[in-house]
Structure formats: C-alpha cells, structure tokens
C-alpha cells in the first residue's frame, strides 16, 4: 500500500536562525514542508518510507516505492493514479487497486472492496502521529525528521512482534 501525509508548519522565526544556531536554508531545504511516503504490508507494518519536500507530486516516489515489493495487490489513493505506476505494478505482478482521478479520460475499473484495505497504511500513519515529535514536526532538518520517523517505525515494529507490551515511563 502506498500513501503519503503532508507535514507543513510555519517557518521558524528569524531570531532562531541567527549566527551559529542554524545554517541559513530555505524552508523546503530544512524540510519544514514535507511529505511522508509509506509502503505497508499486512497488519499495517511499514516496509519502506521516503520523505520528500511538500511541493513534489505524490506519484514521483511511487515507482521507487513499489520497485522490488512482492505483493499481489497495490492499493493506493488517487494521487498515485498514473499510467506509469499502473504499468509498473502490472509488470511487477501486482493488481493496481487505485481509484481513477476525476479528470482521467478513460475510466479504469478497480475493486472498491479491496480498496478499503488501504486503511492499513492509514493505521501506520496513525502510529507515526502518536509520537509528538513527528506530529508537531520538531525536527529542523530533513535528516533529523527521517531519523525520527525511522525510530518510531522501528519501535512500532518491535511492539508488534513482541509477546509483551513495551511500556515507557
């Protein structure tokens, strides 16, 4: 399953970017407007994650996201409806379960009941957003944000496979 979430926040005040505190970078270079692209498998376990600037289209990361995945179906939202992605999914042996965009000239059929399984990737985003550092976007650099996302996903996977519940105090 492929999906994205946009994290956009206000630009930090100029006083925080004074001498020596933060390198002078634009808001998109620091990652203050970013998207999380996530591929998840059954039981809402993430297998791949990419973070891009918020100004990039959703479908630009889909080929890299689905390349090498071994799955029967590819449920994704309308943002990923492009001929290139559908051809890549079919050539990889997956059935694309993507609703067509409203401006598509030739309508494509898709399995609406199977599309509802896409909630699994939504659950993975839910687990990400439970960590305040990701939900409120505390990281000032894109590398720090990616690290925070990976740490949270790693902990989620450990909790999913652990026979005991991990509790933090």
N, C-alpha and C. Protein backbone atom coordinates (compact mmCIF):
# COMPACT_ATOMS: atom_id res chain seq x y z
N UNK A 1 0.83 -1.16 0.00
CA UNK A 1 0.00 0.00 0.00
C UNK A 1 0.89 1.23 0.00
N UNK A 2 0.49 2.21 -0.71
CA UNK A 2 1.28 3.42 -0.83
C UNK A 2 0.40 4.60 -0.47
N UNK A 3 0.93 5.51 0.31
CA UNK A 3 0.18 6.69 0.69
C UNK A 3 1.15 7.76 1.14
N UNK A 4 0.66 8.92 1.41
CA UNK A 4 1.50 10.00 1.88
C UNK A 4 0.74 10.83 2.89
N UNK A 5 1.46 11.58 3.65
CA UNK A 5 0.89 12.58 4.53
C UNK A 5 1.73 13.83 4.41
N UNK A 6 1.13 14.95 4.41
CA UNK A 6 1.86 16.21 4.30
C UNK A 6 2.01 16.81 5.70
N UNK A 7 3.23 17.19 6.01
CA UNK A 7 3.54 17.85 7.26
C UNK A 7 3.98 19.26 6.94
N UNK A 8 3.15 20.23 7.13
CA UNK A 8 3.55 21.60 6.86
C UNK A 8 3.37 22.43 8.12
N UNK A 9 4.34 23.22 8.41
CA UNK A 9 4.31 24.05 9.60
C UNK A 9 4.86 25.41 9.26
N UNK A 10 4.69 26.35 10.17
CA UNK A 10 5.16 27.70 9.94
C UNK A 10 6.67 27.74 9.93
N UNK A 11 7.21 28.69 9.23
CA UNK A 11 8.65 28.88 9.18
C UNK A 11 9.11 29.43 10.52
N UNK A 12 10.26 28.96 10.98
CA UNK A 12 10.79 29.41 12.25
C UNK A 12 11.09 30.90 12.20
N UNK A 13 11.06 31.55 13.35
CA UNK A 13 11.29 32.99 13.38
C UNK A 13 12.73 33.31 13.02
N UNK A 14 12.98 34.49 12.48
CA UNK A 14 14.33 34.86 12.08
C UNK A 14 15.32 34.86 13.24
N UNK A 15 14.85 35.11 14.46
CA UNK A 15 15.79 35.14 15.59
C UNK A 15 16.35 33.76 15.88
N UNK A 16 15.65 32.71 15.51
CA UNK A 16 16.17 31.35 15.70
C UNK A 16 17.23 31.00 14.67
N UNK A 17 17.33 31.77 13.61
CA UNK A 17 18.28 31.47 12.56
C UNK A 17 19.46 32.43 12.59
N UNK A 18 19.70 33.03 13.72
CA UNK A 18 20.82 33.97 13.80
C UNK A 18 22.13 33.22 13.86
N UNK A 19 23.21 33.93 14.02
CA UNK A 19 24.58 33.42 13.91
C UNK A 19 24.80 32.12 14.68
N UNK A 20 25.23 31.11 13.97
CA UNK A 20 25.67 29.87 14.57
C UNK A 20 24.60 28.92 15.03
N UNK A 21 23.36 29.31 15.10
CA UNK A 21 22.33 28.41 15.60
C UNK A 21 21.84 27.44 14.54
N UNK A 22 21.58 27.95 13.36
CA UNK A 22 21.01 27.13 12.29
C UNK A 22 21.58 27.65 10.98
N UNK A 23 22.04 26.74 10.10
CA UNK A 23 22.50 27.23 8.81
C UNK A 23 21.36 27.89 8.05
N UNK A 24 21.69 28.92 7.32
CA UNK A 24 20.66 29.65 6.58
C UNK A 24 20.23 28.82 5.37
N UNK A 25 19.05 28.26 5.48
CA UNK A 25 18.48 27.44 4.42
C UNK A 25 17.03 27.86 4.23
N UNK A 26 16.52 27.59 3.05
CA UNK A 26 15.12 27.87 2.80
C UNK A 26 14.24 26.87 3.52
N UNK A 27 12.95 27.14 3.66
CA UNK A 27 12.07 26.24 4.40
C UNK A 27 11.96 24.86 3.78
N UNK A 28 12.05 24.75 2.45
CA UNK A 28 11.94 23.42 1.84
C UNK A 28 13.24 22.65 1.98
N UNK A 29 14.36 23.33 2.06
CA UNK A 29 15.63 22.64 2.25
C UNK A 29 15.74 22.10 3.67
N UNK A 30 15.12 22.77 4.63
CA UNK A 30 15.14 22.30 6.00
C UNK A 30 14.07 21.25 6.23
N UNK A 31 13.14 21.11 5.33
CA UNK A 31 12.12 20.09 5.48
C UNK A 31 10.91 20.53 6.27
N UNK A 32 10.67 21.85 6.42
CA UNK A 32 9.52 22.29 7.19
C UNK A 32 8.21 22.05 6.45
N UNK A 33 8.25 21.75 5.19
CA UNK A 33 7.07 21.38 4.42
C UNK A 33 7.43 20.08 3.73
N UNK A 34 7.01 18.96 4.28
CA UNK A 34 7.46 17.67 3.77
C UNK A 34 6.32 16.68 3.70
N UNK A 35 6.54 15.62 2.91
CA UNK A 35 5.58 14.53 2.78
C UNK A 35 6.26 13.24 3.19
N UNK A 36 5.50 12.40 3.83
CA UNK A 36 5.97 11.06 4.17
C UNK A 36 5.30 10.10 3.20
N UNK A 37 6.09 9.36 2.46
CA UNK A 37 5.59 8.32 1.56
C UNK A 37 5.88 6.99 2.25
N UNK A 38 4.88 6.15 2.37
CA UNK A 38 5.00 4.94 3.17
C UNK A 38 4.41 3.76 2.43
N UNK A 39 5.13 2.65 2.40
CA UNK A 39 4.60 1.39 1.88
C UNK A 39 4.44 0.45 3.06
N UNK A 40 3.27 -0.15 3.19
CA UNK A 40 2.99 -1.03 4.32
C UNK A 40 2.45 -2.36 3.80
N UNK A 41 2.68 -3.40 4.58
CA UNK A 41 2.17 -4.73 4.23
C UNK A 41 1.07 -5.08 5.23
N UNK A 42 0.64 -6.32 5.22
CA UNK A 42 -0.43 -6.76 6.10
C UNK A 42 -0.11 -6.42 7.55
N UNK A 43 -1.13 -6.24 8.33
CA UNK A 43 -1.03 -5.87 9.75
C UNK A 43 -0.39 -4.51 9.92
N UNK A 44 -0.56 -3.63 8.96
CA UNK A 44 -0.09 -2.24 8.94
C UNK A 44 1.38 -2.08 9.32
N UNK A 45 2.21 -3.05 8.92
CA UNK A 45 3.64 -2.95 9.17
C UNK A 45 4.32 -2.26 8.00
N UNK A 46 5.00 -1.16 8.24
CA UNK A 46 5.67 -0.44 7.16
C UNK A 46 6.91 -1.17 6.69
N UNK A 47 7.14 -1.15 5.39
CA UNK A 47 8.33 -1.77 4.83
C UNK A 47 9.26 -0.76 4.17
N UNK A 48 8.72 0.35 3.71
CA UNK A 48 9.53 1.41 3.11
C UNK A 48 8.97 2.76 3.48
N UNK A 49 9.87 3.71 3.66
CA UNK A 49 9.45 5.07 3.95
C UNK A 49 10.39 6.04 3.25
N UNK A 50 9.82 7.05 2.60
CA UNK A 50 10.57 8.12 1.97
C UNK A 50 9.98 9.44 2.46
N UNK A 51 10.83 10.43 2.62
CA UNK A 51 10.38 11.77 2.96
C UNK A 51 10.83 12.69 1.84
N UNK A 52 9.89 13.45 1.28
CA UNK A 52 10.20 14.38 0.21
C UNK A 52 9.68 15.76 0.59
N UNK A 53 10.07 16.75 -0.18
CA UNK A 53 9.55 18.09 0.08
C UNK A 53 8.07 18.11 -0.26
N UNK A 54 7.33 18.97 0.39
CA UNK A 54 5.88 19.01 0.22
C UNK A 54 5.44 19.51 -1.13
N UNK A 55 6.36 20.06 -1.92
CA UNK A 55 5.99 20.59 -3.22
C UNK A 55 6.06 19.55 -4.32
N UNK A 56 6.57 18.37 -4.04
CA UNK A 56 6.67 17.31 -5.06
C UNK A 56 5.36 16.56 -5.17
N UNK A 57 5.08 16.08 -6.36
CA UNK A 57 3.86 15.30 -6.59
C UNK A 57 3.98 13.93 -5.92
N UNK A 58 2.84 13.36 -5.54
CA UNK A 58 2.83 12.07 -4.87
C UNK A 58 3.40 10.96 -5.74
N UNK A 59 3.04 11.00 -7.01
CA UNK A 59 3.37 9.89 -7.90
C UNK A 59 4.86 9.83 -8.25
N UNK A 60 5.65 10.85 -7.90
CA UNK A 60 7.07 10.82 -8.25
C UNK A 60 7.84 9.76 -7.46
N UNK A 61 7.36 9.37 -6.30
CA UNK A 61 8.07 8.41 -5.46
C UNK A 61 7.51 7.00 -5.56
N UNK A 62 6.40 6.84 -6.26
CA UNK A 62 5.73 5.55 -6.26
C UNK A 62 6.54 4.45 -6.95
N UNK A 63 7.21 4.78 -8.04
CA UNK A 63 7.99 3.74 -8.76
C UNK A 63 9.09 3.20 -7.85
N UNK A 64 9.81 4.09 -7.18
CA UNK A 64 10.85 3.65 -6.25
C UNK A 64 10.26 2.91 -5.07
N UNK A 65 9.06 3.30 -4.66
CA UNK A 65 8.42 2.68 -3.50
C UNK A 65 7.99 1.24 -3.80
N UNK A 66 7.44 0.99 -5.00
CA UNK A 66 6.93 -0.35 -5.30
C UNK A 66 7.97 -1.23 -5.98
N UNK A 67 9.11 -0.67 -6.35
CA UNK A 67 10.15 -1.45 -7.02
C UNK A 67 10.69 -2.52 -6.08
N UNK A 68 10.54 -3.77 -6.45
CA UNK A 68 11.05 -4.89 -5.66
C UNK A 68 10.09 -5.41 -4.61
N UNK A 69 8.92 -4.81 -4.45
CA UNK A 69 7.95 -5.33 -3.49
C UNK A 69 7.30 -6.58 -4.05
N UNK A 70 7.08 -7.55 -3.19
CA UNK A 70 6.41 -8.78 -3.58
C UNK A 70 5.01 -8.74 -2.98
N UNK A 71 4.05 -8.33 -3.77
CA UNK A 71 2.67 -8.22 -3.30
C UNK A 71 1.72 -8.61 -4.42
N UNK A 72 0.51 -8.97 -4.04
CA UNK A 72 -0.49 -9.34 -5.02
C UNK A 72 -1.29 -8.13 -5.47
N UNK A 73 -1.52 -7.18 -4.54
CA UNK A 73 -2.32 -6.00 -4.84
C UNK A 73 -1.55 -4.74 -4.45
N UNK A 74 -1.86 -3.66 -5.13
CA UNK A 74 -1.28 -2.36 -4.83
C UNK A 74 -2.40 -1.35 -4.61
N UNK A 75 -2.94 -1.28 -3.37
CA UNK A 75 -3.95 -0.26 -3.10
C UNK A 75 -3.26 1.07 -2.82
N UNK A 76 -3.70 2.12 -3.49
CA UNK A 76 -3.15 3.46 -3.29
C UNK A 76 -4.24 4.48 -3.55
N UNK A 77 -4.02 5.71 -3.09
CA UNK A 77 -5.04 6.73 -3.29
C UNK A 77 -4.94 7.37 -4.67
N UNK A 78 -5.84 8.28 -4.96
CA UNK A 78 -5.94 8.89 -6.30
C UNK A 78 -4.67 9.60 -6.73
N UNK A 79 -3.89 10.08 -5.79
CA UNK A 79 -2.66 10.79 -6.13
C UNK A 79 -1.67 9.92 -6.88
N UNK A 80 -1.82 8.63 -6.77
CA UNK A 80 -0.91 7.70 -7.43
C UNK A 80 -1.49 7.13 -8.72
N UNK A 81 -2.57 7.68 -9.22
CA UNK A 81 -3.18 7.20 -10.45
C UNK A 81 -2.46 7.80 -11.65
N UNK A 82 -1.51 7.05 -12.19
CA UNK A 82 -0.85 7.44 -13.43
C UNK A 82 -0.58 6.17 -14.23
N UNK A 83 -0.51 6.31 -15.53
CA UNK A 83 -0.29 5.14 -16.39
C UNK A 83 1.04 4.47 -16.06
N UNK A 84 2.07 5.25 -15.75
CA UNK A 84 3.38 4.69 -15.46
C UNK A 84 3.35 3.81 -14.21
N UNK A 85 2.67 4.26 -13.18
CA UNK A 85 2.58 3.48 -11.94
C UNK A 85 1.78 2.21 -12.16
N UNK A 86 0.68 2.31 -12.90
CA UNK A 86 -0.14 1.13 -13.16
C UNK A 86 0.62 0.12 -13.99
N UNK A 87 1.36 0.58 -15.00
CA UNK A 87 2.17 -0.35 -15.81
C UNK A 87 3.27 -0.99 -14.98
N UNK A 88 3.89 -0.24 -14.08
CA UNK A 88 4.93 -0.79 -13.21
C UNK A 88 4.34 -1.85 -12.29
N UNK A 89 3.16 -1.58 -11.74
CA UNK A 89 2.51 -2.55 -10.86
C UNK A 89 2.17 -3.83 -11.62
N UNK A 90 1.62 -3.69 -12.81
CA UNK A 90 1.26 -4.87 -13.61
C UNK A 90 2.50 -5.65 -14.00
N UNK A 91 3.57 -4.95 -14.39
CA UNK A 91 4.80 -5.66 -14.77
C UNK A 91 5.46 -6.33 -13.58
N UNK A 92 5.18 -5.85 -12.37
CA UNK A 92 5.71 -6.48 -11.15
C UNK A 92 4.80 -7.59 -10.65
N UNK A 93 3.69 -7.84 -11.33
CA UNK A 93 2.79 -8.92 -10.95
C UNK A 93 1.75 -8.50 -9.93
N UNK A 94 1.51 -7.21 -9.79
CA UNK A 94 0.52 -6.72 -8.83
C UNK A 94 -0.70 -6.19 -9.57
N UNK A 95 -1.84 -6.29 -8.92
CA UNK A 95 -3.04 -5.68 -9.46
C UNK A 95 -3.18 -4.30 -8.82
N UNK A 96 -3.25 -3.26 -9.63
CA UNK A 96 -3.37 -1.90 -9.12
C UNK A 96 -4.80 -1.65 -8.67
N UNK A 97 -4.96 -1.35 -7.40
CA UNK A 97 -6.27 -1.03 -6.83
C UNK A 97 -6.22 0.46 -6.50
N UNK A 98 -6.32 1.28 -7.54
CA UNK A 98 -6.21 2.73 -7.41
C UNK A 98 -7.44 3.35 -8.07
N UNK A 99 -8.21 4.13 -7.33
CA UNK A 99 -9.36 4.77 -7.98
C UNK A 99 -8.87 5.79 -9.01
N UNK A 100 -9.56 5.89 -10.14
CA UNK A 100 -9.10 6.82 -11.17
C UNK A 100 -9.33 8.27 -10.76
N UNK A 101 -8.44 9.13 -11.22
CA UNK A 101 -8.63 10.56 -10.99
C UNK A 101 -9.88 11.02 -11.73
N UNK A 102 -10.45 12.08 -11.27
CA UNK A 102 -11.69 12.56 -11.87
C UNK A 102 -11.48 13.10 -13.28
N UNK A 103 -10.27 13.55 -13.58
CA UNK A 103 -10.02 14.10 -14.91
C UNK A 103 -9.48 13.07 -15.90
N UNK A 104 -9.46 11.80 -15.53
CA UNK A 104 -8.98 10.75 -16.43
C UNK A 104 -9.98 10.55 -17.55
N UNK A 105 -9.48 10.53 -18.78
CA UNK A 105 -10.39 10.42 -19.93
C UNK A 105 -11.00 9.04 -20.05
N UNK A 106 -10.20 8.00 -19.91
CA UNK A 106 -10.79 6.66 -19.92
C UNK A 106 -10.78 6.12 -18.50
N UNK A 107 -11.97 5.84 -18.03
CA UNK A 107 -12.15 5.34 -16.66
C UNK A 107 -11.64 3.92 -16.55
N UNK A 108 -10.99 3.64 -15.44
CA UNK A 108 -10.48 2.32 -15.15
C UNK A 108 -11.30 1.71 -14.03
N UNK A 109 -11.54 0.45 -14.11
CA UNK A 109 -12.27 -0.24 -13.03
C UNK A 109 -11.29 -0.62 -11.93
N UNK A 110 -11.77 -0.60 -10.70
CA UNK A 110 -10.95 -1.04 -9.57
C UNK A 110 -11.88 -1.69 -8.55
N UNK A 111 -11.32 -2.54 -7.73
CA UNK A 111 -12.09 -3.29 -6.74
C UNK A 111 -12.32 -2.40 -5.52
N UNK A 112 -13.53 -1.91 -5.33
CA UNK A 112 -13.83 -0.98 -4.25
C UNK A 112 -13.72 -1.64 -2.87
N UNK A 113 -14.05 -2.92 -2.80
CA UNK A 113 -13.96 -3.61 -1.51
C UNK A 113 -12.49 -3.83 -1.13
N UNK A 114 -11.68 -4.16 -2.09
CA UNK A 114 -10.26 -4.34 -1.82
C UNK A 114 -9.57 -3.01 -1.52
N UNK A 115 -10.09 -1.93 -2.09
CA UNK A 115 -9.53 -0.60 -1.83
C UNK A 115 -9.70 -0.21 -0.37
N UNK A 116 -10.72 -0.73 0.28
CA UNK A 116 -10.94 -0.42 1.69
C UNK A 116 -9.85 -0.97 2.59
N UNK A 117 -9.05 -1.91 2.09
CA UNK A 117 -7.93 -2.47 2.86
C UNK A 117 -6.84 -1.41 3.05
N UNK A 118 -6.92 -0.34 2.29
CA UNK A 118 -5.94 0.72 2.37
C UNK A 118 -5.88 1.36 3.76
N UNK A 119 -6.85 1.07 4.60
CA UNK A 119 -6.83 1.62 5.95
C UNK A 119 -5.62 1.13 6.74
N UNK A 120 -5.00 0.03 6.29
CA UNK A 120 -3.82 -0.46 6.99
C UNK A 120 -2.67 0.54 6.94
N UNK A 121 -2.48 1.18 5.80
CA UNK A 121 -1.44 2.18 5.72
C UNK A 121 -1.85 3.42 6.52
N UNK A 122 -3.15 3.70 6.59
CA UNK A 122 -3.61 4.80 7.43
C UNK A 122 -3.30 4.51 8.89
N UNK A 123 -3.42 3.24 9.30
CA UNK A 123 -3.08 2.87 10.68
C UNK A 123 -1.59 3.09 10.96
N UNK A 124 -0.75 2.82 9.97
CA UNK A 124 0.68 3.06 10.15
C UNK A 124 0.95 4.55 10.35
N UNK A 125 0.24 5.41 9.62
CA UNK A 125 0.37 6.85 9.83
C UNK A 125 -0.15 7.24 11.21
N UNK A 126 -1.19 6.58 11.67
CA UNK A 126 -1.72 6.85 12.99
C UNK A 126 -0.66 6.59 14.06
N UNK A 127 0.05 5.47 13.92
CA UNK A 127 1.11 5.15 14.88
C UNK A 127 2.23 6.17 14.81
N UNK A 128 2.55 6.65 13.62
CA UNK A 128 3.57 7.68 13.48
C UNK A 128 3.15 8.97 14.20
N UNK A 129 1.91 9.36 14.01
CA UNK A 129 1.42 10.62 14.55
C UNK A 129 1.26 10.60 16.06
N UNK A 130 1.29 9.41 16.67
CA UNK A 130 1.17 9.35 18.12
C UNK A 130 2.44 9.87 18.81
N UNK A 131 3.51 9.94 18.07
CA UNK A 131 4.74 10.49 18.63
C UNK A 131 4.74 11.98 18.37
N UNK A 132 4.79 12.76 19.42
CA UNK A 132 4.64 14.20 19.31
C UNK A 132 5.71 14.85 18.46
N UNK A 133 6.92 14.32 18.46
CA UNK A 133 8.00 14.89 17.66
C UNK A 133 7.71 14.83 16.17
N UNK A 134 6.95 13.84 15.73
CA UNK A 134 6.60 13.74 14.31
C UNK A 134 5.33 14.53 14.03
N UNK A 135 4.36 14.44 14.93
CA UNK A 135 3.09 15.13 14.70
C UNK A 135 3.26 16.64 14.67
N UNK A 136 4.12 17.18 15.52
CA UNK A 136 4.29 18.63 15.58
C UNK A 136 5.52 19.11 14.83
N UNK A 137 6.28 18.17 14.28
CA UNK A 137 7.40 18.49 13.39
C UNK A 137 8.49 19.30 14.08
N UNK A 138 9.04 18.73 15.21
CA UNK A 138 10.08 19.41 15.96
C UNK A 138 11.42 19.44 15.24
N UNK A 139 11.69 18.44 14.41
CA UNK A 139 13.00 18.36 13.74
C UNK A 139 13.18 19.54 12.80
N UNK A 140 14.37 20.12 12.83
CA UNK A 140 14.63 21.29 11.98
C UNK A 140 15.23 20.91 10.64
N UNK A 141 15.82 19.74 10.53
CA UNK A 141 16.39 19.31 9.26
C UNK A 141 15.65 18.08 8.76
N UNK A 142 15.73 17.88 7.48
CA UNK A 142 15.06 16.70 6.89
C UNK A 142 15.69 15.42 7.40
N UNK A 143 17.01 15.40 7.57
CA UNK A 143 17.69 14.20 8.07
C UNK A 143 17.21 13.85 9.48
N UNK A 144 17.02 14.85 10.32
CA UNK A 144 16.52 14.61 11.67
C UNK A 144 15.09 14.09 11.64
N UNK A 145 14.30 14.62 10.74
CA UNK A 145 12.91 14.18 10.62
C UNK A 145 12.84 12.73 10.15
N UNK A 146 13.66 12.39 9.15
CA UNK A 146 13.70 10.99 8.67
C UNK A 146 14.13 10.06 9.79
N UNK A 147 15.13 10.47 10.57
CA UNK A 147 15.60 9.65 11.68
C UNK A 147 14.48 9.45 12.70
N UNK A 148 13.72 10.49 13.01
CA UNK A 148 12.62 10.38 13.95
C UNK A 148 11.55 9.42 13.43
N UNK A 149 11.23 9.52 12.14
CA UNK A 149 10.25 8.62 11.54
C UNK A 149 10.73 7.17 11.61
N UNK A 150 12.00 6.95 11.29
CA UNK A 150 12.53 5.58 11.32
C UNK A 150 12.57 5.02 12.73
N UNK A 151 12.90 5.84 13.71
CA UNK A 151 12.91 5.37 15.10
C UNK A 151 11.51 4.98 15.53
N UNK A 152 10.54 5.80 15.20
CA UNK A 152 9.16 5.50 15.58
C UNK A 152 8.65 4.23 14.89
N UNK A 153 8.97 4.08 13.60
CA UNK A 153 8.54 2.88 12.88
C UNK A 153 9.23 1.63 13.43
N UNK A 154 10.50 1.76 13.80
CA UNK A 154 11.22 0.63 14.38
C UNK A 154 10.56 0.22 15.69
N UNK A 155 10.25 1.18 16.53
CA UNK A 155 9.60 0.87 17.80
C UNK A 155 8.24 0.23 17.57
N UNK A 156 7.49 0.73 16.60
CA UNK A 156 6.19 0.16 16.28
C UNK A 156 6.33 -1.30 15.87
N UNK A 157 7.34 -1.61 15.05
CA UNK A 157 7.54 -2.99 14.61
C UNK A 157 7.95 -3.88 15.79
N UNK A 158 8.78 -3.38 16.69
CA UNK A 158 9.17 -4.15 17.87
C UNK A 158 7.94 -4.43 18.73
N UNK A 159 7.10 -3.43 18.92
CA UNK A 159 5.88 -3.62 19.71
C UNK A 159 4.94 -4.61 19.04
N UNK A 160 4.91 -4.61 17.72
CA UNK A 160 4.01 -5.51 17.00
C UNK A 160 4.42 -6.97 17.14
N UNK A 161 5.72 -7.22 17.18
CA UNK A 161 6.20 -8.60 17.24
C UNK A 161 6.52 -9.07 18.65
N UNK A 162 6.50 -8.19 19.62
CA UNK A 162 6.85 -8.54 20.98
C UNK A 162 5.67 -9.24 21.65
N UNK A 163 5.94 -10.35 22.37
CA UNK A 163 4.83 -11.01 23.09
C UNK A 163 4.36 -10.17 24.28
N UNK A 164 5.26 -9.31 24.82
CA UNK A 164 4.88 -8.44 25.92
C UNK A 164 4.75 -7.02 25.40
N UNK A 165 3.90 -6.27 26.01
CA UNK A 165 3.69 -4.88 25.62
C UNK A 165 4.83 -4.03 26.17
N UNK A 166 5.45 -3.19 25.31
CA UNK A 166 6.53 -2.32 25.73
C UNK A 166 5.90 -1.08 26.34
N UNK A 167 6.31 -0.75 27.55
CA UNK A 167 5.74 0.40 28.26
C UNK A 167 6.89 1.35 28.57
N UNK A 168 6.68 2.62 28.31
CA UNK A 168 7.68 3.62 28.67
C UNK A 168 7.14 4.47 29.80
N UNK A 169 8.03 4.90 30.62
CA UNK A 169 7.63 5.71 31.78
C UNK A 169 8.15 7.11 31.60
